[in-house]
Amino acid sequence: ECDPERPLENLEKAFSTAEEKLGIVRIVDPEDVCVEKPDEKAVMTYVSFLYRAFPDMPRSHRKKQPAVSLDDYNDLFTATKEWVEAKRKEASDRDFTNNRKDLKEKLEKFRKAREQDIPVKQMDMEALRELFEKLQSRKKRPTSPTVAPEMHFSELEKAWDSLQNENEEYEEAMMKKLKELEDLEALADKVRCECGRLEPEARALGEKVGEFERGSESGGRSTSPE
């Protein structure tokens, strides 16, 4: 039973049940939904998961779904495409810093951002795929909205797949550069250590050379010409 005075608990129960009983990925939390302006894209994606979980539900048991909007599709398509292109541009940059610490931080930041961003954008891609399929299924109707060729989901999917490959190459390039810097740093430490070890010997040798030179000069002055 639901208590109208406890919306957060009601949502928690609903999300947990859907995850445990239906295997629906929990992409939103009660705190994300029980606000004045929830994330529409996240909610839309979650609702699409629910509909996919009940493909055989009788129509009489379903509420009427809102009309599929071409504007919604175009807006989400454009936002996702811009994000993908920005990330692809970032992944093409190979002008890495020569500072090992800074590069290591950059690599960790990249990995963290990918772990956080990719799942969210993957949900956007799933929502776009579903919207596109619905729009295409209504294509034969005279008054149905038409998706422009350059806005077809397949075009974005190609860019998305390329981004995944480029991200892997970008990470590998950073790891290779970081390994080179670590090797150079290790070599520099070894050279400094060796120099430190040889410094007393070099100092002693210098002192001996100095004594030899002073002895030679002294001997030369004490020798009388014939």
C-alpha atoms as a PDB file:
ATOM      1  CA  GLU A   1       0.000   0.000   0.000  1.00  0.00           C
ATOM      2  CA  CYS A   2       1.057   3.575  -0.666  1.00  0.00           C
ATOM      3  CA  ASP A   3       0.908   6.406   1.789  1.00  0.00           C
ATOM      4  CA  PRO A   4       0.180   9.719   0.036  1.00  0.00           C
ATOM      5  CA  GLU A   5       1.932  11.489   2.901  1.00  0.00           C
ATOM      6  CA  ARG A   6       5.196   9.673   2.150  1.00  0.00           C
ATOM      7  CA  PRO A   7       5.970  10.088  -1.563  1.00  0.00           C
ATOM      8  CA  LEU A   8       9.671   9.272  -1.227  1.00  0.00           C
ATOM      9  CA  GLU A   9       8.908   5.941   0.450  1.00  0.00           C
ATOM     10  CA  ASN A  10       6.288   5.157  -2.210  1.00  0.00           C
ATOM     11  CA  LEU A  11       8.760   5.823  -5.012  1.00  0.00           C
ATOM     12  CA  GLU A  12      11.472   3.818  -3.287  1.00  0.00           C
ATOM     13  CA  LYS A  13       9.104   0.855  -3.013  1.00  0.00           C
ATOM     14  CA  ALA A  14       8.084   1.169  -6.666  1.00  0.00           C
ATOM     15  CA  PHE A  15      11.639   1.439  -8.009  1.00  0.00           C
ATOM     16  CA  SER A  16      12.883  -1.420  -5.829  1.00  0.00           C
ATOM     17  CA  THR A  17      10.024  -3.692  -6.854  1.00  0.00           C
ATOM     18  CA  ALA A  18      10.536  -2.942 -10.549  1.00  0.00           C
ATOM     19  CA  GLU A  19      14.243  -3.721 -10.206  1.00  0.00           C
ATOM     20  CA  GLU A  20      13.839  -6.901  -8.173  1.00  0.00           C
ATOM     21  CA  LYS A  21      10.783  -8.370  -9.905  1.00  0.00           C
ATOM     22  CA  LEU A  22      11.134  -7.092 -13.461  1.00  0.00           C
ATOM     23  CA  GLY A  23      14.858  -6.466 -13.799  1.00  0.00           C
ATOM     24  CA  ILE A  24      14.321  -2.834 -14.763  1.00  0.00           C
ATOM     25  CA  VAL A  25      17.516  -0.864 -14.364  1.00  0.00           C
ATOM     26  CA  ARG A  26      17.191   1.758 -11.656  1.00  0.00           C
ATOM     27  CA  ILE A  27      18.346   4.887 -13.437  1.00  0.00           C
ATOM     28  CA  VAL A  28      16.525   7.332 -11.161  1.00  0.00           C
ATOM     29  CA  ASP A  29      16.100   7.661  -7.406  1.00  0.00           C
ATOM     30  CA  PRO A  30      13.111   8.992  -5.462  1.00  0.00           C
ATOM     31  CA  GLU A  31      15.011  12.197  -4.736  1.00  0.00           C
ATOM     32  CA  ASP A  32      15.497  12.726  -8.492  1.00  0.00           C
ATOM     33  CA  VAL A  33      11.784  12.447  -9.232  1.00  0.00           C
ATOM     34  CA  CYS A  34      10.136  13.994  -6.191  1.00  0.00           C
ATOM     35  CA  VAL A  35      11.216  17.521  -7.116  1.00  0.00           C
ATOM     36  CA  GLU A  36       9.571  20.493  -8.810  1.00  0.00           C
ATOM     37  CA  LYS A  37      11.382  19.911 -12.118  1.00  0.00           C
ATOM     38  CA  PRO A  38      12.611  16.306 -12.528  1.00  0.00           C
ATOM     39  CA  ASP A  39      14.944  15.324 -15.355  1.00  0.00           C
ATOM     40  CA  GLU A  40      12.489  14.755 -18.218  1.00  0.00           C
ATOM     41  CA  LYS A  41      14.929  12.685 -20.277  1.00  0.00           C
ATOM     42  CA  ALA A  42      15.701  10.324 -17.403  1.00  0.00           C
ATOM     43  CA  VAL A  43      12.020   9.907 -16.570  1.00  0.00           C
ATOM     44  CA  MET A  44      11.147   9.324 -20.225  1.00  0.00           C
ATOM     45  CA  THR A  45      13.844   6.678 -20.520  1.00  0.00           C
ATOM     46  CA  TYR A  46      12.703   4.929 -17.358  1.00  0.00           C
ATOM     47  CA  VAL A  47       9.093   4.892 -18.538  1.00  0.00           C
ATOM     48  CA  SER A  48      10.252   3.353 -21.831  1.00  0.00           C
ATOM     49  CA  PHE A  49      11.898   0.575 -19.804  1.00  0.00           C
ATOM     50  CA  LEU A  50       8.561  -0.065 -18.096  1.00  0.00           C
ATOM     51  CA  TYR A  51       6.714  -0.339 -21.394  1.00  0.00           C
ATOM     52  CA  ARG A  52       9.313  -2.759 -22.738  1.00  0.00           C
ATOM     53  CA  ALA A  53       8.857  -4.875 -19.604  1.00  0.00           C
ATOM     54  CA  PHE A  54       5.134  -5.251 -20.428  1.00  0.00           C
ATOM     55  CA  PRO A  55       5.058  -5.870 -24.196  1.00  0.00           C
ATOM     56  CA  ASP A  56       2.062  -8.194 -23.964  1.00  0.00           C
ATOM     57  CA  MET A  57      -0.101  -6.148 -21.608  1.00  0.00           C
ATOM     58  CA  PRO A  58      -3.655  -5.867 -22.966  1.00  0.00           C
ATOM     59  CA  ARG A  59      -4.462  -2.463 -24.365  1.00  0.00           C
ATOM     60  CA  SER A  60      -7.384  -2.128 -21.956  1.00  0.00           C
ATOM     61  CA  HIS A  61      -4.886  -2.193 -19.084  1.00  0.00           C
ATOM     62  CA  ARG A  62      -2.644   0.449 -20.575  1.00  0.00           C
ATOM     63  CA  LYS A  63      -3.002   4.137 -20.265  1.00  0.00           C
ATOM     64  CA  LYS A  64      -2.933   6.073 -23.465  1.00  0.00           C
ATOM     65  CA  GLN A  65       0.653   6.968 -24.306  1.00  0.00           C
ATOM     66  CA  PRO A  66       1.476  10.555 -25.137  1.00  0.00           C
ATOM     67  CA  ALA A  67       1.936  11.309 -28.807  1.00  0.00           C
ATOM     68  CA  VAL A  68       5.437  10.820 -30.136  1.00  0.00           C
ATOM     69  CA  SER A  69       6.880  14.258 -30.790  1.00  0.00           C
ATOM     70  CA  LEU A  70       9.294  14.875 -33.650  1.00  0.00           C
ATOM     71  CA  ASP A  71      10.503  17.980 -31.822  1.00  0.00           C
ATOM     72  CA  ASP A  72      11.374  15.897 -28.750  1.00  0.00           C
ATOM     73  CA  TYR A  73      13.292  13.477 -30.945  1.00  0.00           C
ATOM     74  CA  ASN A  74      15.131  16.246 -32.784  1.00  0.00           C
ATOM     75  CA  ASP A  75      16.045  18.041 -29.551  1.00  0.00           C
ATOM     76  CA  LEU A  76      17.417  14.914 -27.911  1.00  0.00           C
ATOM     77  CA  PHE A  77      19.157  13.866 -31.134  1.00  0.00           C
ATOM     78  CA  THR A  78      20.866  17.263 -31.474  1.00  0.00           C
ATOM     79  CA  ALA A  79      21.963  17.398 -27.831  1.00  0.00           C
ATOM     80  CA  THR A  80      23.342  13.859 -27.939  1.00  0.00           C
ATOM     81  CA  LYS A  81      25.098  14.424 -31.260  1.00  0.00           C
ATOM     82  CA  GLU A  82      26.783  17.584 -29.971  1.00  0.00           C
ATOM     83  CA  TRP A  83      27.971  15.710 -26.896  1.00  0.00           C
ATOM     84  CA  VAL A  84      29.317  12.822 -28.990  1.00  0.00           C
ATOM     85  CA  GLU A  85      31.155  15.170 -31.366  1.00  0.00           C
ATOM     86  CA  ALA A  86      32.692  17.099 -28.459  1.00  0.00           C
ATOM     87  CA  LYS A  87      33.925  13.864 -26.885  1.00  0.00           C
ATOM     88  CA  ARG A  88      35.296  12.618 -30.205  1.00  0.00           C
ATOM     89  CA  LYS A  89      37.233  15.850 -30.594  1.00  0.00           C
ATOM     90  CA  GLU A  90      38.609  15.436 -27.080  1.00  0.00           C
ATOM     91  CA  ALA A  91      39.618  11.845 -27.830  1.00  0.00           C
ATOM     92  CA  SER A  92      41.524  12.929 -30.949  1.00  0.00           C
ATOM     93  CA  ASP A  93      43.888  15.160 -28.953  1.00  0.00           C
ATOM     94  CA  ARG A  94      47.309  13.558 -28.544  1.00  0.00           C
ATOM     95  CA  ASP A  95      49.158  16.649 -27.316  1.00  0.00           C
ATOM     96  CA  PHE A  96      49.734  15.243 -23.840  1.00  0.00           C
ATOM     97  CA  THR A  97      51.638  17.034 -21.097  1.00  0.00           C
ATOM     98  CA  ASN A  98      55.121  15.851 -20.155  1.00  0.00           C
ATOM     99  CA  ASN A  99      54.312  16.207 -16.468  1.00  0.00           C
ATOM    100  CA  ARG A 100      53.715  12.697 -15.133  1.00  0.00           C
ATOM    101  CA  LYS A 101      51.544  13.812 -12.219  1.00  0.00           C
ATOM    102  CA  ASP A 102      49.328  16.012 -14.401  1.00  0.00           C
ATOM    103  CA  LEU A 103      48.931  13.275 -17.023  1.00  0.00           C
ATOM    104  CA  LYS A 104      48.008  10.715 -14.376  1.00  0.00           C
ATOM    105  CA  GLU A 105      45.326  13.064 -13.029  1.00  0.00           C
ATOM    106  CA  LYS A 106      44.059  13.616 -16.576  1.00  0.00           C
ATOM    107  CA  LEU A 107      43.775   9.855 -17.133  1.00  0.00           C
ATOM    108  CA  GLU A 108      41.909   9.339 -13.854  1.00  0.00           C
ATOM    109  CA  LYS A 109      39.569  12.234 -14.646  1.00  0.00           C
ATOM    110  CA  PHE A 110      38.864  10.802 -18.112  1.00  0.00           C
ATOM    111  CA  ARG A 111      38.052   7.366 -16.696  1.00  0.00           C
ATOM    112  CA  LYS A 112      35.784   8.798 -14.011  1.00  0.00           C
ATOM    113  CA  ALA A 113      33.911  10.986 -16.507  1.00  0.00           C
ATOM    114  CA  ARG A 114      33.453   8.033 -18.849  1.00  0.00           C
ATOM    115  CA  GLU A 115      32.049   5.870 -16.060  1.00  0.00           C
ATOM    116  CA  GLN A 116      29.559   8.597 -15.151  1.00  0.00           C
ATOM    117  CA  ASP A 117      28.609   9.928 -18.582  1.00  0.00           C
ATOM    118  CA  ILE A 118      28.456   6.864 -20.820  1.00  0.00           C
ATOM    119  CA  PRO A 119      25.632   5.066 -18.931  1.00  0.00           C
ATOM    120  CA  VAL A 120      23.517   8.245 -18.979  1.00  0.00           C
ATOM    121  CA  LYS A 121      24.135   8.841 -22.672  1.00  0.00           C
ATOM    122  CA  GLN A 122      23.485   5.176 -23.373  1.00  0.00           C
ATOM    123  CA  MET A 123      20.014   5.687 -21.931  1.00  0.00           C
ATOM    124  CA  ASP A 124      19.552   8.697 -24.212  1.00  0.00           C
ATOM    125  CA  MET A 125      20.546   6.501 -27.143  1.00  0.00           C
ATOM    126  CA  GLU A 126      17.981   3.875 -26.143  1.00  0.00           C
ATOM    127  CA  ALA A 127      15.304   6.549 -25.839  1.00  0.00           C
ATOM    128  CA  LEU A 128      16.254   7.934 -29.263  1.00  0.00           C
ATOM    129  CA  ARG A 129      16.138   4.494 -30.825  1.00  0.00           C
ATOM    130  CA  GLU A 130      12.639   3.914 -29.475  1.00  0.00           C
ATOM    131  CA  LEU A 131      11.397   7.355 -30.541  1.00  0.00           C
ATOM    132  CA  PHE A 132      12.874   6.898 -34.008  1.00  0.00           C
ATOM    133  CA  GLU A 133      11.250   3.489 -34.453  1.00  0.00           C
ATOM    134  CA  LYS A 134       7.879   4.882 -33.411  1.00  0.00           C
ATOM    135  CA  LEU A 135       8.201   7.838 -35.770  1.00  0.00           C
ATOM    136  CA  GLN A 136       9.210   5.541 -38.616  1.00  0.00           C
ATOM    137  CA  SER A 137       6.309   3.179 -37.923  1.00  0.00           C
ATOM    138  CA  ARG A 138       3.933   6.083 -38.493  1.00  0.00           C
ATOM    139  CA  LYS A 139       5.708   7.200 -41.630  1.00  0.00           C
ATOM    140  CA  LYS A 140       2.962   5.965 -43.964  1.00  0.00           C
ATOM    141  CA  ARG A 141       0.351   8.234 -42.458  1.00  0.00           C
ATOM    142  CA  PRO A 142      -0.116  11.410 -44.530  1.00  0.00           C
ATOM    143  CA  THR A 143       0.014  13.708 -41.518  1.00  0.00           C
ATOM    144  CA  SER A 144       2.822  11.898 -39.729  1.00  0.00           C
ATOM    145  CA  PRO A 145       6.028  13.867 -39.004  1.00  0.00           C
ATOM    146  CA  THR A 146       9.063  12.815 -41.020  1.00  0.00           C
ATOM    147  CA  VAL A 147      12.594  12.498 -39.666  1.00  0.00           C
ATOM    148  CA  ALA A 148      15.135  14.292 -41.854  1.00  0.00           C
ATOM    149  CA  PRO A 149      17.755  11.949 -43.406  1.00  0.00           C
ATOM    150  CA  GLU A 150      20.609  13.590 -41.504  1.00  0.00           C
ATOM    151  CA  MET A 151      18.681  13.029 -38.256  1.00  0.00           C
ATOM    152  CA  HIS A 152      18.235   9.287 -38.744  1.00  0.00           C
ATOM    153  CA  PHE A 153      19.218   7.300 -35.685  1.00  0.00           C
ATOM    154  CA  SER A 154      21.643   5.154 -37.705  1.00  0.00           C
ATOM    155  CA  GLU A 155      23.808   8.234 -38.345  1.00  0.00           C
ATOM    156  CA  LEU A 156      24.121   8.951 -34.645  1.00  0.00           C
ATOM    157  CA  GLU A 157      24.680   5.277 -33.878  1.00  0.00           C
ATOM    158  CA  LYS A 158      27.707   5.229 -36.208  1.00  0.00           C
ATOM    159  CA  ALA A 159      29.190   8.242 -34.425  1.00  0.00           C
ATOM    160  CA  TRP A 160      28.447   6.628 -31.051  1.00  0.00           C
ATOM    161  CA  ASP A 161      30.241   3.396 -32.028  1.00  0.00           C
ATOM    162  CA  SER A 162      33.200   5.413 -33.317  1.00  0.00           C
ATOM    163  CA  LEU A 163      33.369   7.278 -30.022  1.00  0.00           C
ATOM    164  CA  GLN A 164      33.639   4.023 -28.062  1.00  0.00           C
ATOM    165  CA  ASN A 165      36.581   2.896 -30.211  1.00  0.00           C
ATOM    166  CA  GLU A 166      38.232   6.317 -30.073  1.00  0.00           C
ATOM    167  CA  ASN A 167      37.859   6.449 -26.298  1.00  0.00           C
ATOM    168  CA  GLU A 168      39.722   3.158 -26.009  1.00  0.00           C
ATOM    169  CA  GLU A 169      42.491   4.418 -28.296  1.00  0.00           C
ATOM    170  CA  TYR A 170      42.672   7.689 -26.357  1.00  0.00           C
ATOM    171  CA  GLU A 171      43.023   5.830 -23.061  1.00  0.00           C
ATOM    172  CA  GLU A 172      45.687   3.530 -24.517  1.00  0.00           C
ATOM    173  CA  ALA A 173      47.628   6.529 -25.857  1.00  0.00           C
ATOM    174  CA  MET A 174      47.562   8.225 -22.450  1.00  0.00           C
ATOM    175  CA  MET A 175      48.633   5.015 -20.715  1.00  0.00           C
ATOM    176  CA  LYS A 176      51.522   4.614 -23.174  1.00  0.00           C
ATOM    177  CA  LYS A 177      52.644   8.213 -22.656  1.00  0.00           C
ATOM    178  CA  LEU A 178      52.362   7.820 -18.883  1.00  0.00           C
ATOM    179  CA  LYS A 179      54.485   4.651 -19.014  1.00  0.00           C
ATOM    180  CA  GLU A 180      57.150   6.516 -20.995  1.00  0.00           C
ATOM    181  CA  LEU A 181      57.209   9.329 -18.446  1.00  0.00           C
ATOM    182  CA  GLU A 182      57.402   6.855 -15.572  1.00  0.00           C
ATOM    183  CA  ASP A 183      60.318   5.059 -17.269  1.00  0.00           C
ATOM    184  CA  LEU A 184      62.111   8.371 -17.833  1.00  0.00           C
ATOM    185  CA  GLU A 185      61.539   9.382 -14.236  1.00  0.00           C
ATOM    186  CA  ALA A 186      62.870   6.028 -13.028  1.00  0.00           C
ATOM    187  CA  LEU A 187      65.942   6.441 -15.236  1.00  0.00           C
ATOM    188  CA  ALA A 188      66.512   9.953 -13.919  1.00  0.00           C
ATOM    189  CA  ASP A 189      66.284   8.670 -10.333  1.00  0.00           C
ATOM    190  CA  LYS A 190      68.786   5.946 -11.165  1.00  0.00           C
ATOM    191  CA  VAL A 191      71.202   8.477 -12.673  1.00  0.00           C
ATOM    192  CA  ARG A 192      70.862  10.772  -9.651  1.00  0.00           C
ATOM    193  CA  CYS A 193      71.442   7.836  -7.328  1.00  0.00           C
ATOM    194  CA  GLU A 194      74.515   6.768  -9.285  1.00  0.00           C
ATOM    195  CA  CYS A 195      75.840  10.312  -9.301  1.00  0.00           C
ATOM    196  CA  GLY A 196      75.322  10.500  -5.567  1.00  0.00           C
ATOM    197  CA  ARG A 197      77.192   7.244  -5.104  1.00  0.00           C
ATOM    198  CA  LEU A 198      80.105   8.388  -7.271  1.00  0.00           C
ATOM    199  CA  GLU A 199      80.290  11.883  -5.828  1.00  0.00           C
ATOM    200  CA  PRO A 200      82.674  10.970  -2.925  1.00  0.00           C
ATOM    201  CA  GLU A 201      84.930   9.095  -5.326  1.00  0.00           C
ATOM    202  CA  ALA A 202      84.906  11.985  -7.762  1.00  0.00           C
ATOM    203  CA  ARG A 203      85.689  14.416  -4.942  1.00  0.00           C
ATOM    204  CA  ALA A 204      88.598  12.218  -3.723  1.00  0.00           C
ATOM    205  CA  LEU A 205      89.913  11.900  -7.262  1.00  0.00           C
ATOM    206  CA  GLY A 206      89.721  15.667  -7.669  1.00  0.00           C
ATOM    207  CA  GLU A 207      91.667  16.159  -4.492  1.00  0.00           C
ATOM    208  CA  LYS A 208      94.362  13.746  -5.677  1.00  0.00           C
ATOM    209  CA  VAL A 209      94.631  15.553  -9.003  1.00  0.00           C
ATOM    210  CA  GLY A 210      94.922  18.847  -7.130  1.00  0.00           C
ATOM    211  CA  GLU A 211      97.679  17.450  -4.920  1.00  0.00           C
ATOM    212  CA  PHE A 212      99.489  16.113  -7.972  1.00  0.00           C
ATOM    213  CA  GLU A 213      99.279  19.478  -9.726  1.00  0.00           C
ATOM    214  CA  ARG A 214     100.496  21.344  -6.646  1.00  0.00           C
ATOM    215  CA  GLY A 215     103.337  18.847  -6.221  1.00  0.00           C
ATOM    216  CA  SER A 216     104.356  19.263  -9.847  1.00  0.00           C
ATOM    217  CA  GLU A 217     104.430  23.050  -9.552  1.00  0.00           C
ATOM    218  CA  SER A 218     106.439  22.889  -6.319  1.00  0.00           C
ATOM    219  CA  GLY A 219     108.938  20.467  -7.813  1.00  0.00           C
ATOM    220  CA  GLY A 220     109.359  22.633 -10.864  1.00  0.00           C
ATOM    221  CA  ARG A 221     110.203  25.740  -8.784  1.00  0.00           C
ATOM    222  CA  SER A 222     112.794  23.892  -6.592  1.00  0.00           C
ATOM    223  CA  THR A 223     114.749  22.617  -9.566  1.00  0.00           C
ATOM    224  CA  SER A 224     117.730  24.881 -10.413  1.00  0.00           C
ATOM    225  CA  PRO A 225     118.779  25.252 -14.026  1.00  0.00           C
ATOM    226  CA  GLU A 226     122.270  24.081 -14.919  1.00  0.00           C
END
